[in-house]
Amino acid sequence: MAAELTDAASGASRLDHLTSWHADWRGLRVVVLGLGVTGFAVADTLAELGAEVTVYARDRDDDRARILDVIGVRLEVDPLDDVPDGIAGDAPDLIVVSPGFRPDHPVLVWAAQAGVAVWGDIELAWRVRDKVRAAEWMLVTGTNGKTTTVQLAATLIAANGVRVAPCGNIGVPVLDAVRDPIGYDVLVVELSSFQLHTMPTTGPGAVHPYSSVCLNLADDHLDWHGSAGAYRDAKSKVYQNTKVACVYNRADEATMHMVEDADVEEGARAIGFGLDTPGPSDFGVVDGILCDRAFLEERRTAALEITTLDELEPRGLAVPHIVANILAASALARSYDVPVAVLHDALATFRLDAHRIETVAISGGIRWIDDSKATNPHAAEASLRAFGRVVWIVGGLLKGVDADALVRRHVPRLRAAVVIGRDRAALVEAFRRHAPGLPLLEVATDDTEDVMPDAVALAASVAEDGDTVLLAPAAASMDQFADYADRGRRFQDAVRERLGGTAHDEPASDDPPAEGR
């Protein structure tokens, strides 16, 4: 045991000095857990650095396996139900874990007991960020709105002639952005609670963001984190060590307390955003005008106009939760000295991604909306608030979250509910408890090909002129679909098939009806 502790201490000492791409990574023995997008990027990076890398994955991806073989990375396919002999018998210097592995996974528990360091991809990316040039990092997290805000912030910053990349949980690994041959001035990094869990806030691997934001906080991924407190603690790490601006949501007190508790660099400012009138050092809305009262000398007596709700409306950007995302992204961009005139012009051309409050069709006075990205109750709540009378298609994997309160709050706006997914029983019980007279329709099939055609047919049977049929599942999709995008595509296909392939039978924009804004 003494020899093992000595070896671990020696390995830790070496890791402390690995804070640059140009450090000596050669011969470092690393185990990478997982071969998804993140795990592959980690393995590729470490191989390029000269480390000795072994990837452990539950499944074999043939394309990635071939590339790993070419770059000299060993792949071990293992169910990972326990600590593989190859890890326990010859402890590595470092384990880099993909975001999907829970903290109580046997390999991670073993690593803690054996004194083997565990990093996530974010720590590795921060340590090697100077391969080309060390970009400033802006960190974005929150229960909902992360991807839209990251895309918005990157769009606004790029419009000022800055080389910027949206990356992280948005789909492009941070390590890929760091290794771009030209390099970037700014990385806008979307961070999941999983990534934040493994991101250190002290020591040689601690991230020091330029600016940061937690958009909102609601119970999510409790099955992974174990408690709401642990989930909150992970999210709060986004503000640690911030250098310029900690952006928080004035309507979400938890985010304000996160900023208050954060250990930031001298001079960092707290910048609030919200849909109400902004105070000094805030972003907000006055008489339909989105305003900056933070980044101007006369902020106690004046404000800068960014854009208006009327200008955002034709592209579906005037719904409350999207306006909040625009304000948060604008705060990040303004912290980097992007002029408000540049923000205004960039917002004039911005479009939301697919499956985010996307109008699929309007037919017979019924609007069909795809918000498949609403994968938890908090996101579904924002979507429901944007519309008037709703036939709600809801359900999937609830991830340990109780949707009872969501159902109770929105019963008054519902025409009917169509329940899909594996966790239907809890939703059905909530509807029967809070709305015993509400038409409640259940899609019982587990066949992926039939779920959305059945759901759309049931919704069409009860929807009336003036209603919105809203796919806002409040749940993850992996019980019946590949991901939320697959779920949304199948919904759209079923709607168009139901309507005979027509898109609209009356003029329409992508925004919801006025009463729901």
Protein backbone atom coordinates (compact mmCIF):
# COMPACT_ATOMS: atom_id res chain seq x y z
CA MET A 1 0.00 0.00 0.00
CA ALA A 2 2.87 2.39 0.82
CA ALA A 3 4.32 1.83 -2.64
CA GLU A 4 0.93 2.54 -4.22
CA LEU A 5 0.62 5.81 -2.28
CA THR A 6 4.13 6.83 -3.32
CA ASP A 7 3.31 6.11 -6.96
CA ALA A 8 0.08 8.10 -6.69
CA ALA A 9 1.88 11.06 -5.13
CA SER A 10 4.51 10.97 -7.86
CA GLY A 11 1.78 10.87 -10.53
CA ALA A 12 -0.06 13.78 -8.92
CA SER A 13 3.14 15.84 -8.87
CA ARG A 14 3.64 15.30 -12.59
CA LEU A 15 0.02 16.18 -13.35
CA ASP A 16 0.43 19.47 -11.49
CA HIS A 17 2.96 20.56 -14.12
CA LEU A 18 0.83 19.60 -17.12
CA THR A 19 -0.78 23.01 -17.63
CA SER A 20 0.18 23.68 -21.24
CA TRP A 21 0.00 22.00 -24.61
CA HIS A 22 3.76 22.46 -24.73
CA ALA A 23 4.41 20.60 -21.47
CA ASP A 24 5.81 17.06 -21.62
CA TRP A 25 2.81 14.71 -21.80
CA ARG A 26 4.82 11.86 -23.33
CA GLY A 27 4.38 8.48 -21.73
CA LEU A 28 1.58 9.59 -19.41
CA ARG A 29 -0.62 6.52 -18.90
CA VAL A 30 -4.25 7.58 -19.33
CA VAL A 31 -7.52 5.68 -19.28
CA VAL A 32 -10.41 7.34 -21.10
CA LEU A 33 -13.90 6.24 -20.11
CA GLY A 34 -16.36 6.39 -22.99
CA LEU A 35 -16.12 6.61 -26.76
CA GLY A 36 -18.80 9.12 -27.61
CA VAL A 37 -18.04 12.49 -29.16
CA THR A 38 -16.32 13.70 -26.00
CA GLY A 39 -14.38 10.51 -25.27
CA PHE A 40 -13.09 10.34 -28.82
CA ALA A 41 -11.92 13.98 -28.71
CA VAL A 42 -10.12 13.28 -25.42
CA ALA A 43 -8.37 10.19 -26.77
CA ASP A 44 -7.38 11.95 -29.99
CA THR A 45 -5.97 14.91 -28.08
CA LEU A 46 -3.96 12.81 -25.64
CA ALA A 47 -2.56 10.66 -28.44
CA GLU A 48 -1.42 13.82 -30.23
CA LEU A 49 0.29 14.91 -27.02
CA GLY A 50 2.18 11.62 -26.85
CA ALA A 51 0.37 10.01 -23.93
CA GLU A 52 -0.22 6.26 -23.71
CA VAL A 53 -4.00 6.02 -24.02
CA THR A 54 -6.48 3.21 -23.47
CA VAL A 55 -10.17 3.79 -24.07
CA TYR A 56 -12.73 1.70 -22.19
CA ALA A 57 -16.18 1.73 -23.77
CA ARG A 58 -19.34 -0.29 -23.34
CA ASP A 59 -19.89 -0.52 -27.10
CA ARG A 60 -17.65 -0.56 -30.12
CA ASP A 61 -18.02 2.20 -32.68
CA ASP A 62 -16.33 0.73 -35.76
CA ASP A 63 -15.45 4.06 -37.40
CA ARG A 64 -13.92 5.52 -34.26
CA ALA A 65 -12.22 2.21 -33.44
CA ARG A 66 -10.43 2.26 -36.82
CA ILE A 67 -9.17 5.79 -36.18
CA LEU A 68 -8.01 4.91 -32.68
CA ASP A 69 -5.99 2.04 -34.12
CA VAL A 70 -4.33 4.38 -36.61
CA ILE A 71 -3.35 6.93 -33.94
CA GLY A 72 -2.07 4.28 -31.56
CA VAL A 73 -4.85 4.23 -28.97
CA ARG A 74 -5.93 0.91 -27.50
CA LEU A 75 -9.66 0.20 -27.26
CA GLU A 76 -11.14 -2.17 -24.68
CA VAL A 77 -14.84 -3.01 -25.01
CA ASP A 78 -16.14 -3.75 -21.54
CA PRO A 79 -19.59 -3.62 -19.89
CA LEU A 80 -17.97 -1.49 -17.13
CA ASP A 81 -20.28 -2.93 -14.52
CA ASP A 82 -17.20 -3.20 -12.32
CA VAL A 83 -13.56 -2.10 -12.40
CA PRO A 84 -11.88 -3.86 -15.34
CA ASP A 85 -8.83 -5.95 -14.46
CA GLY A 86 -6.74 -3.88 -16.87
CA ILE A 87 -7.38 -0.79 -14.75
CA ALA A 88 -7.27 -2.29 -11.26
CA GLY A 89 -4.22 -4.44 -12.03
CA ASP A 90 -2.13 -1.64 -13.50
CA ALA A 91 -3.39 1.71 -12.20
CA PRO A 92 -3.06 4.53 -14.75
CA ASP A 93 -1.61 7.96 -13.99
CA LEU A 94 -4.91 9.60 -14.94
CA ILE A 95 -8.51 8.77 -15.80
CA VAL A 96 -10.46 11.14 -18.06
CA VAL A 97 -14.18 10.51 -17.76
CA SER A 98 -16.89 11.26 -20.29
CA PRO A 99 -19.89 13.25 -18.98
CA GLY A 100 -22.31 10.32 -18.94
CA PHE A 101 -20.53 8.41 -16.14
CA ARG A 102 -22.17 8.97 -12.76
CA PRO A 103 -20.01 9.90 -9.75
CA ASP A 104 -20.84 6.57 -8.08
CA HIS A 105 -19.61 4.49 -11.03
CA PRO A 106 -17.38 1.64 -9.78
CA VAL A 107 -14.33 2.86 -11.72
CA LEU A 108 -14.61 6.36 -10.27
CA VAL A 109 -15.14 5.05 -6.73
CA TRP A 110 -12.07 2.85 -7.18
CA ALA A 111 -10.04 5.80 -8.51
CA ALA A 112 -10.86 7.89 -5.44
CA GLN A 113 -9.80 5.04 -3.14
CA ALA A 114 -6.61 4.36 -5.12
CA GLY A 115 -5.62 8.02 -5.35
CA VAL A 116 -5.82 8.11 -9.16
CA ALA A 117 -6.66 11.55 -10.53
CA VAL A 118 -9.93 11.92 -12.46
CA TRP A 119 -10.42 14.75 -14.96
CA GLY A 120 -13.25 15.69 -17.27
CA ASP A 121 -12.76 16.93 -20.82
CA ILE A 122 -13.14 20.55 -19.66
CA GLU A 123 -10.13 20.36 -17.36
CA LEU A 124 -8.02 18.76 -20.07
CA ALA A 125 -9.10 21.40 -22.60
CA TRP A 126 -8.29 24.24 -20.19
CA ARG A 127 -4.83 22.84 -19.50
CA VAL A 128 -3.97 22.58 -23.22
CA ARG A 129 -5.82 25.69 -24.42
CA ASP A 130 -2.58 27.35 -25.56
CA LYS A 131 -1.85 25.00 -28.47
CA VAL A 132 -2.39 27.83 -30.96
CA ARG A 133 -3.41 30.82 -28.83
CA ALA A 134 -5.18 30.81 -25.50
CA ALA A 135 -8.70 32.09 -26.13
CA GLU A 136 -10.84 33.71 -23.47
CA TRP A 137 -13.61 31.38 -22.27
CA MET A 138 -17.20 32.41 -21.59
CA LEU A 139 -19.11 29.75 -19.69
CA VAL A 140 -22.85 29.14 -20.06
CA THR A 141 -24.96 26.77 -17.99
CA GLY A 142 -28.50 26.52 -16.64
CA THR A 143 -31.31 24.01 -16.63
CA ASN A 144 -32.68 25.42 -19.89
CA GLY A 145 -31.71 27.77 -22.68
CA LYS A 146 -28.00 26.94 -22.75
CA THR A 147 -27.66 26.09 -26.42
CA THR A 148 -29.70 29.05 -27.66
CA THR A 149 -27.75 31.44 -25.43
CA VAL A 150 -24.40 30.02 -26.55
CA GLN A 151 -25.38 30.37 -30.19
CA LEU A 152 -26.66 33.89 -29.61
CA ALA A 153 -23.55 35.01 -27.73
CA ALA A 154 -21.23 33.57 -30.36
CA THR A 155 -23.26 35.21 -33.15
CA LEU A 156 -23.19 38.60 -31.42
CA ILE A 157 -19.47 38.46 -30.68
CA ALA A 158 -18.59 37.25 -34.20
CA ALA A 159 -20.54 40.16 -35.68
CA ASN A 160 -17.90 42.47 -34.18
CA GLY A 161 -15.11 40.81 -36.17
CA VAL A 162 -13.96 38.51 -33.36
CA ARG A 163 -12.99 34.92 -34.10
CA VAL A 164 -15.28 32.96 -31.78
CA ALA A 165 -16.51 29.37 -31.47
CA PRO A 166 -19.60 27.97 -29.75
CA CYS A 167 -18.54 24.65 -28.23
CA GLY A 168 -18.87 22.21 -25.34
CA ASN A 169 -22.16 20.50 -24.60
CA ILE A 170 -23.60 22.19 -27.72
CA GLY A 171 -22.08 19.34 -29.77
CA VAL A 172 -18.58 20.55 -30.69
CA PRO A 173 -16.09 19.33 -28.05
CA VAL A 174 -14.04 22.11 -26.47
CA LEU A 175 -10.93 20.09 -27.30
CA ASP A 176 -11.74 20.34 -31.02
CA ALA A 177 -12.03 24.12 -30.72
CA VAL A 178 -8.77 24.34 -28.76
CA ARG A 179 -6.96 22.37 -31.47
CA ASP A 180 -8.29 24.46 -34.38
CA PRO A 181 -5.20 25.23 -36.52
CA ILE A 182 -6.00 28.97 -36.74
CA GLY A 183 -7.22 29.41 -33.18
CA TYR A 184 -9.92 31.57 -31.62
CA ASP A 185 -10.13 34.77 -29.61
CA VAL A 186 -13.16 33.60 -27.62
CA LEU A 187 -14.77 30.25 -26.86
CA VAL A 188 -18.40 30.34 -25.71
CA VAL A 189 -18.63 27.07 -23.80
CA GLU A 190 -21.91 25.34 -22.98
CA LEU A 191 -21.46 23.27 -19.83
CA SER A 192 -23.77 20.56 -18.58
CA SER A 193 -24.05 19.82 -14.87
CA PHE A 194 -22.13 16.60 -15.59
CA GLN A 195 -19.17 18.54 -16.99
CA LEU A 196 -19.31 21.06 -14.17
CA HIS A 197 -19.24 18.24 -11.62
CA THR A 198 -15.71 17.26 -12.70
CA MET A 199 -14.48 20.81 -13.42
CA PRO A 200 -12.04 21.95 -10.71
CA THR A 201 -12.27 25.44 -9.24
CA THR A 202 -8.88 25.42 -7.52
CA GLY A 203 -5.45 24.05 -8.37
CA PRO A 204 -3.53 23.87 -11.64
CA GLY A 205 -6.55 22.74 -13.68
CA ALA A 206 -8.98 25.40 -12.44
CA VAL A 207 -10.84 27.25 -15.18
CA HIS A 208 -10.77 31.08 -15.04
CA PRO A 209 -13.57 32.26 -17.34
CA TYR A 210 -13.72 35.74 -18.83
CA SER A 211 -17.47 35.93 -18.13
CA SER A 212 -20.06 33.39 -17.02
CA VAL A 213 -23.80 32.83 -16.68
CA CYS A 214 -26.21 30.40 -15.05
CA LEU A 215 -29.47 31.09 -16.88
CA ASN A 216 -31.83 29.40 -14.43
CA LEU A 217 -32.07 26.53 -12.00
CA ALA A 218 -34.77 23.88 -11.67
CA ASP A 219 -34.66 20.23 -10.62
CA ASP A 220 -33.11 18.10 -13.35
CA HIS A 221 -30.81 15.07 -13.58
CA LEU A 222 -31.50 14.27 -9.93
CA ASP A 223 -31.02 10.59 -10.72
CA TRP A 224 -27.42 11.39 -11.77
CA HIS A 225 -26.47 13.92 -9.08
CA GLY A 226 -28.37 12.26 -6.24
CA SER A 227 -30.04 15.40 -4.88
CA ALA A 228 -31.20 18.89 -5.81
CA GLY A 229 -28.43 20.31 -3.62
CA ALA A 230 -25.71 18.41 -5.48
CA TYR A 231 -27.17 19.56 -8.82
CA ARG A 232 -27.17 23.18 -7.63
CA ASP A 233 -23.60 22.87 -6.33
CA ALA A 234 -22.44 21.64 -9.72
CA LYS A 235 -24.16 24.50 -11.55
CA SER A 236 -22.75 27.11 -9.16
CA LYS A 237 -19.18 26.23 -10.20
CA VAL A 238 -19.73 28.18 -13.42
CA TYR A 239 -19.09 31.47 -11.60
CA GLN A 240 -15.91 30.50 -9.79
CA ASN A 241 -12.81 32.50 -10.79
CA THR A 242 -14.72 34.72 -13.24
CA LYS A 243 -12.66 37.71 -14.35
CA VAL A 244 -15.11 40.25 -15.84
CA ALA A 245 -18.87 39.56 -15.54
CA CYS A 246 -21.01 37.11 -13.58
CA VAL A 247 -24.36 37.25 -15.38
CA TYR A 248 -27.37 36.05 -13.38
CA ASN A 249 -31.15 35.82 -13.73
CA ARG A 250 -32.98 38.38 -11.59
CA ALA A 251 -36.12 36.21 -11.75
CA ASP A 252 -34.25 33.20 -10.35
CA GLU A 253 -32.97 33.93 -6.87
CA ALA A 254 -30.80 30.82 -6.84
CA THR A 255 -28.56 32.23 -9.57
CA MET A 256 -28.11 35.47 -7.63
CA HIS A 257 -27.02 33.53 -4.53
CA MET A 258 -24.57 31.54 -6.66
CA VAL A 259 -22.89 34.79 -7.68
CA GLU A 260 -22.88 36.07 -4.10
CA ASP A 261 -21.15 32.88 -2.94
CA ALA A 262 -18.64 32.68 -5.80
CA ASP A 263 -14.94 33.34 -5.33
CA VAL A 264 -14.20 35.59 -8.32
CA GLU A 265 -11.25 37.64 -9.49
CA GLU A 266 -10.85 41.22 -8.32
CA GLY A 267 -13.01 43.58 -10.37
CA ALA A 268 -15.53 41.04 -11.63
CA ARG A 269 -19.06 42.50 -11.75
CA ALA A 270 -22.47 40.98 -11.09
CA ILE A 271 -24.76 41.70 -14.06
CA GLY A 272 -28.47 40.88 -13.76
CA PHE A 273 -30.89 40.20 -16.60
CA GLY A 274 -34.67 39.94 -16.58
CA LEU A 275 -37.89 40.77 -18.39
CA ASP A 276 -38.67 43.68 -16.08
CA THR A 277 -37.23 47.20 -15.84
CA PRO A 278 -33.46 46.98 -15.37
CA GLY A 279 -31.62 48.69 -12.57
CA PRO A 280 -28.08 50.02 -12.88
CA SER A 281 -25.76 47.14 -13.83
CA ASP A 282 -28.70 45.20 -15.34
CA PHE A 283 -30.18 44.18 -18.67
CA GLY A 284 -33.97 44.27 -19.03
CA VAL A 285 -37.04 45.42 -20.95
CA VAL A 286 -38.71 48.86 -20.87
CA ASP A 287 -41.83 49.53 -22.98
CA GLY A 288 -40.95 46.69 -25.34
CA ILE A 289 -37.30 47.79 -25.68
CA LEU A 290 -34.44 45.48 -24.66
CA CYS A 291 -31.95 47.64 -22.74
CA ASP A 292 -28.41 47.60 -21.40
CA ARG A 293 -27.95 49.58 -18.17
CA ALA A 294 -24.72 47.84 -17.25
CA PHE A 295 -22.00 48.72 -19.73
CA LEU A 296 -22.22 52.52 -19.96
CA GLU A 297 -20.87 55.29 -17.79
CA GLU A 298 -24.30 56.92 -17.26
CA ARG A 299 -26.01 53.71 -16.17
CA ARG A 300 -27.75 55.36 -13.21
CA THR A 301 -29.60 57.79 -15.47
CA ALA A 302 -29.61 56.21 -18.95
CA ALA A 303 -29.80 52.95 -20.89
CA LEU A 304 -28.69 51.69 -24.30
CA GLU A 305 -31.28 50.22 -26.69
CA ILE A 306 -30.38 46.79 -28.06
CA THR A 307 -33.54 45.89 -30.00
CA THR A 308 -37.31 45.75 -29.58
CA LEU A 309 -39.90 43.03 -29.12
CA ASP A 310 -41.57 44.19 -32.33
CA GLU A 311 -38.35 43.53 -34.25
CA LEU A 312 -37.92 40.10 -32.67
CA GLU A 313 -41.52 38.99 -33.13
CA PRO A 314 -41.53 37.99 -36.83
CA ARG A 315 -38.84 35.34 -36.19
CA GLY A 316 -40.42 33.83 -33.09
CA LEU A 317 -37.89 35.47 -30.77
CA ALA A 318 -40.31 37.56 -28.71
CA VAL A 319 -41.52 34.74 -26.43
CA PRO A 320 -40.42 35.41 -22.83
CA HIS A 321 -37.84 32.68 -22.35
CA ILE A 322 -36.12 33.51 -25.65
CA VAL A 323 -36.05 37.21 -24.75
CA ALA A 324 -34.35 36.23 -21.49
CA ASN A 325 -31.76 34.24 -23.46
CA ILE A 326 -31.15 37.25 -25.73
CA LEU A 327 -30.57 39.50 -22.73
CA ALA A 328 -28.13 37.02 -21.16
CA ALA A 329 -26.22 36.61 -24.43
CA SER A 330 -26.16 40.37 -24.93
CA ALA A 331 -24.65 40.79 -21.46
CA LEU A 332 -21.86 38.33 -22.34
CA ALA A 333 -21.20 40.11 -25.63
CA ARG A 334 -21.23 43.56 -24.04
CA SER A 335 -18.74 42.34 -21.42
CA TYR A 336 -16.41 41.81 -24.39
CA ASP A 337 -17.03 45.39 -25.63
CA VAL A 338 -19.33 44.52 -28.55
CA PRO A 339 -21.23 47.76 -29.39
CA VAL A 340 -25.02 47.72 -29.03
CA ALA A 341 -25.40 48.71 -32.69
CA VAL A 342 -23.59 45.49 -33.63
CA LEU A 343 -25.91 43.50 -31.34
CA HIS A 344 -28.96 45.07 -32.98
CA ASP A 345 -27.85 44.22 -36.51
CA ALA A 346 -26.82 40.66 -35.61
CA LEU A 347 -30.14 39.96 -33.87
CA ALA A 348 -31.96 41.07 -37.01
CA THR A 349 -30.82 37.91 -38.80
CA PHE A 350 -30.67 35.34 -35.96
CA ARG A 351 -32.85 32.22 -36.22
CA LEU A 352 -33.59 29.55 -33.61
CA ASP A 353 -32.48 25.97 -34.16
CA ALA A 354 -34.98 23.32 -35.14
CA HIS A 355 -37.20 21.78 -32.43
CA ARG A 356 -37.20 24.93 -30.30
CA ILE A 357 -40.77 26.36 -30.30
CA GLU A 358 -40.77 25.73 -34.05
CA THR A 359 -44.03 26.23 -35.95
CA VAL A 360 -44.59 23.11 -38.03
CA ALA A 361 -47.94 24.03 -39.58
CA ILE A 362 -51.15 26.01 -39.18
CA SER A 363 -54.22 24.29 -40.54
CA GLY A 364 -57.91 24.72 -39.77
CA GLY A 365 -57.01 27.42 -37.26
CA ILE A 366 -54.85 24.96 -35.29
CA ARG A 367 -51.17 25.73 -34.77
CA TRP A 368 -48.77 22.77 -34.46
CA ILE A 369 -45.59 23.56 -32.47
CA ASP A 370 -42.47 21.41 -32.08
CA ASP A 371 -40.60 22.15 -28.85
CA SER A 372 -39.05 18.71 -28.50
CA LYS A 373 -36.01 20.42 -26.93
CA ALA A 374 -38.17 20.97 -23.82
CA THR A 375 -36.66 17.92 -22.14
CA ASN A 376 -37.53 18.81 -18.54
CA PRO A 377 -40.44 20.44 -16.68
CA HIS A 378 -38.71 23.83 -16.45
CA ALA A 379 -38.34 24.04 -20.23
CA ALA A 380 -41.88 22.82 -20.81
CA GLU A 381 -43.18 25.45 -18.41
CA ALA A 382 -41.58 28.24 -20.46
CA SER A 383 -43.08 26.78 -23.63
CA LEU A 384 -46.58 26.40 -22.17
CA ARG A 385 -46.55 30.00 -20.96
CA ALA A 386 -45.96 31.19 -24.52
CA PHE A 387 -49.32 29.95 -25.80
CA GLY A 388 -53.01 30.30 -25.06
CA ARG A 389 -55.24 27.21 -25.36
CA VAL A 390 -53.10 24.09 -25.65
CA VAL A 391 -53.41 20.42 -26.55
CA TRP A 392 -50.27 19.26 -24.80
CA ILE A 393 -48.22 16.27 -26.01
CA VAL A 394 -46.11 15.33 -22.98
CA GLY A 395 -44.01 12.47 -21.64
CA GLY A 396 -40.84 10.42 -21.98
CA LEU A 397 -38.09 9.82 -19.43
CA LEU A 398 -38.65 12.06 -16.41
CA LYS A 399 -35.13 11.46 -15.03
CA GLY A 400 -36.32 11.32 -11.45
CA VAL A 401 -38.06 14.71 -11.65
CA ASP A 402 -41.62 15.16 -10.32
CA ALA A 403 -43.84 16.86 -12.95
CA ASP A 404 -46.84 17.12 -10.62
CA ALA A 405 -46.47 20.87 -9.99
CA LEU A 406 -46.07 21.57 -13.70
CA VAL A 407 -49.33 19.79 -14.47
CA ARG A 408 -51.17 21.57 -11.66
CA ARG A 409 -50.03 25.05 -12.76
CA HIS A 410 -51.03 24.65 -16.40
CA VAL A 411 -54.33 22.78 -16.23
CA PRO A 412 -56.32 26.01 -16.82
CA ARG A 413 -54.77 26.52 -20.26
CA LEU A 414 -55.21 22.93 -21.48
CA ARG A 415 -57.80 21.70 -23.95
CA ALA A 416 -56.48 18.14 -23.55
CA ALA A 417 -53.33 16.16 -22.82
CA VAL A 418 -51.76 13.42 -24.93
CA VAL A 419 -49.33 11.36 -22.84
CA ILE A 420 -46.44 9.46 -24.43
CA GLY A 421 -43.31 7.71 -23.18
CA ARG A 422 -42.13 5.18 -20.65
CA ASP A 423 -42.94 7.23 -17.56
CA ARG A 424 -46.59 7.74 -18.47
CA ALA A 425 -48.02 6.48 -15.18
CA ALA A 426 -46.77 9.39 -13.07
CA LEU A 427 -48.11 11.94 -15.57
CA VAL A 428 -51.47 10.20 -15.93
CA GLU A 429 -51.84 10.16 -12.14
CA ALA A 430 -50.99 13.89 -11.95
CA PHE A 431 -53.58 14.78 -14.59
CA ARG A 432 -56.27 12.68 -12.91
CA ARG A 433 -55.51 14.29 -9.56
CA HIS A 434 -55.46 17.92 -10.74
CA ALA A 435 -57.80 17.79 -13.74
CA PRO A 436 -60.22 14.86 -13.50
CA GLY A 437 -62.45 16.36 -16.21
CA LEU A 438 -59.68 17.06 -18.72
CA PRO A 439 -59.64 14.86 -21.84
CA LEU A 440 -56.65 12.59 -21.21
CA LEU A 441 -55.38 10.52 -24.13
CA GLU A 442 -52.61 7.96 -23.81
CA VAL A 443 -50.28 6.56 -26.50
CA ALA A 444 -49.73 3.01 -25.31
CA THR A 445 -47.46 1.77 -28.10
CA ASP A 446 -43.72 1.42 -27.54
CA ASP A 447 -43.02 1.14 -31.27
CA THR A 448 -40.96 4.20 -32.24
CA GLU A 449 -42.50 4.24 -35.72
CA ASP A 450 -46.03 4.57 -34.30
CA VAL A 451 -45.64 6.87 -31.28
CA MET A 452 -45.85 10.20 -33.08
CA PRO A 453 -48.45 9.24 -35.70
CA ASP A 454 -50.67 8.01 -32.85
CA ALA A 455 -50.00 11.12 -30.73
CA VAL A 456 -50.75 13.47 -33.62
CA ALA A 457 -53.95 11.61 -34.50
CA LEU A 458 -55.15 11.81 -30.90
CA ALA A 459 -54.28 15.51 -30.69
CA ALA A 460 -56.11 16.22 -33.94
CA SER A 461 -59.21 14.47 -32.60
CA VAL A 462 -59.62 17.04 -29.79
CA ALA A 463 -57.97 20.25 -31.06
CA GLU A 464 -60.26 23.10 -32.08
CA ASP A 465 -59.95 26.34 -34.03
CA GLY A 466 -57.61 28.67 -32.12
CA ASP A 467 -55.80 25.89 -30.23
CA THR A 468 -52.10 25.12 -30.27
CA VAL A 469 -50.99 21.50 -30.37
CA LEU A 470 -47.72 21.68 -28.46
CA LEU A 471 -45.05 19.00 -28.29
CA ALA A 472 -43.25 20.05 -25.10
CA PRO A 473 -42.49 16.68 -23.51
CA ALA A 474 -40.99 17.86 -20.18
CA ALA A 475 -38.93 14.67 -20.37
CA ALA A 476 -35.94 13.11 -22.09
CA SER A 477 -36.45 11.18 -25.31
CA MET A 478 -34.21 8.13 -25.10
CA ASP A 479 -36.94 5.73 -24.01
CA GLN A 480 -38.49 5.73 -27.50
CA PHE A 481 -36.30 7.92 -29.72
CA ALA A 482 -32.64 8.41 -30.56
CA ASP A 483 -32.66 11.93 -29.10
CA TYR A 484 -34.86 15.02 -28.87
CA ALA A 485 -34.15 15.90 -32.52
CA ASP A 486 -35.35 12.47 -33.67
CA ARG A 487 -38.48 12.92 -31.57
CA GLY A 488 -39.09 16.35 -33.10
CA ARG A 489 -38.51 15.17 -36.67
CA ARG A 490 -40.94 12.32 -36.23
CA PHE A 491 -43.53 14.72 -34.80
CA GLN A 492 -43.11 17.05 -37.77
CA ASP A 493 -43.37 14.18 -40.25
CA ALA A 494 -46.53 12.92 -38.56
CA VAL A 495 -48.10 16.40 -38.61
CA ARG A 496 -47.36 16.90 -42.29
CA GLU A 497 -48.61 13.42 -43.11
CA ARG A 498 -51.78 14.14 -41.19
CA LEU A 499 -52.30 17.43 -43.02
CA GLY A 500 -51.54 15.98 -46.43
CA GLY A 501 -48.11 17.52 -46.72
CA THR A 502 -49.27 21.12 -46.47
CA ALA A 503 -47.24 23.57 -44.44
CA HIS A 504 -49.77 26.35 -43.83
CA ASP A 505 -53.26 27.19 -44.99
CA GLU A 506 -53.06 30.77 -43.76
CA PRO A 507 -50.29 33.37 -43.35
CA ALA A 508 -48.13 32.67 -40.33
CA SER A 509 -44.86 33.60 -38.76
CA ASP A 510 -42.86 31.51 -36.32
CA ASP A 511 -44.11 33.44 -33.31
CA PRO A 512 -46.90 32.32 -30.97
CA PRO A 513 -50.22 34.15 -30.72
CA ALA A 514 -50.18 37.51 -28.94
CA GLU A 515 -52.10 36.33 -25.87
CA GLY A 516 -49.30 33.92 -24.95
CA ARG A 517 -46.38 36.36 -24.97
